[in-house]
């Protein structure tokens, strides 16, 4: 049975995942580390959708520890990078 384009699997999800990772510069929104996954800020189990405003890049450690908890998005700021652009 084919996977729905709205599922977190399949070709539709792969394109969405890549778009979110690139948008977020492969930076985990929780710790600032290198992201290799995409997190649903509001988990699908709690009604969250596969929409760009509900998705953020995340590293495996943070994404797995978060599970389906609801967290407020606090963008990660690389203070070393910011110090060098001032």
Protein backbone atom coordinates (compact mmCIF):
# COMPACT_ATOMS: atom_id res chain seq x y z
CA UNK A 1 0.00 0.00 0.00
CA UNK A 2 1.51 3.41 -0.96
CA UNK A 3 2.32 5.91 1.77
CA UNK A 4 0.26 9.11 1.87
CA UNK A 5 2.09 12.33 1.02
CA UNK A 6 0.92 13.54 4.45
CA UNK A 7 2.67 10.70 6.26
CA UNK A 8 6.08 11.20 7.88
CA UNK A 9 7.43 8.70 5.36
CA UNK A 10 7.60 8.42 1.60
CA UNK A 11 8.66 10.78 -1.20
CA UNK A 12 6.54 13.71 0.02
CA UNK A 13 8.07 13.52 3.48
CA UNK A 14 11.61 13.19 2.10
CA UNK A 15 11.19 16.47 0.19
CA UNK A 16 9.68 18.21 3.23
CA UNK A 17 12.44 16.89 5.51
CA UNK A 18 15.19 18.14 3.20
CA UNK A 19 13.50 21.57 2.85
CA UNK A 20 13.26 21.96 6.66
CA UNK A 21 16.86 20.80 7.27
CA UNK A 22 18.10 23.29 4.66
CA UNK A 23 15.87 26.09 6.00
CA UNK A 24 17.27 25.53 9.50
CA UNK A 25 20.86 25.15 8.24
CA UNK A 26 21.03 21.60 9.67
CA UNK A 27 21.04 23.13 13.17
CA UNK A 28 19.08 21.52 16.00
CA UNK A 29 16.56 23.98 17.37
CA UNK A 30 16.94 22.58 20.89
CA UNK A 31 20.72 22.35 21.41
CA UNK A 32 22.34 24.00 18.39
CA UNK A 33 24.08 20.78 17.37
CA UNK A 34 24.11 19.24 13.90
CA UNK A 35 20.59 18.21 12.93
CA UNK A 36 19.86 15.07 10.95
CA UNK A 37 16.15 14.73 11.73
CA UNK A 38 13.03 16.88 11.58
CA UNK A 39 10.94 17.36 14.71
CA UNK A 40 7.21 18.05 14.94
CA UNK A 41 7.02 20.82 17.55
CA UNK A 42 3.43 19.80 18.25
CA UNK A 43 3.56 16.01 17.92
CA UNK A 44 1.34 14.36 15.36
CA UNK A 45 -0.10 12.30 18.24
CA UNK A 46 -1.33 15.59 19.74
CA UNK A 47 -2.78 16.94 16.49
CA UNK A 48 0.34 18.46 14.93
CA UNK A 49 0.69 18.56 11.16
CA UNK A 50 3.49 18.11 8.62
CA UNK A 51 3.46 21.85 7.90
CA UNK A 52 6.57 24.02 7.75
CA UNK A 53 5.46 26.09 10.74
CA UNK A 54 5.24 22.93 12.88
CA UNK A 55 8.56 21.42 11.78
CA UNK A 56 12.11 22.17 12.90
CA UNK A 57 15.50 20.57 12.36
CA UNK A 58 16.66 18.47 15.32
CA UNK A 59 19.53 16.18 16.24
CA UNK A 60 18.65 12.56 17.01
CA UNK A 61 19.49 12.91 20.73
CA UNK A 62 17.15 15.87 21.27
CA UNK A 63 14.38 14.58 19.03
CA UNK A 64 14.35 11.17 20.71
CA UNK A 65 14.44 12.61 24.23
CA UNK A 66 11.63 15.08 23.46
CA UNK A 67 9.29 12.30 22.30
CA UNK A 68 5.79 13.83 22.04
CA UNK A 69 6.28 16.53 24.67
CA UNK A 70 5.12 20.01 23.69
CA UNK A 71 7.94 22.56 23.75
CA UNK A 72 7.96 26.24 22.90
CA UNK A 73 10.35 26.97 20.05
CA UNK A 74 13.31 28.98 21.21
CA UNK A 75 15.64 29.58 18.30
CA UNK A 76 19.23 28.60 18.94
CA UNK A 77 21.67 31.49 18.67
CA UNK A 78 25.30 30.67 18.01
CA UNK A 79 26.95 33.30 20.21
CA UNK A 80 30.41 32.76 18.65
CA UNK A 81 28.99 33.38 15.19
CA UNK A 82 27.08 36.45 16.35
CA UNK A 83 30.18 37.87 18.06
CA UNK A 84 32.12 37.63 14.79
CA UNK A 85 29.58 39.50 12.68
CA UNK A 86 29.30 42.57 14.90
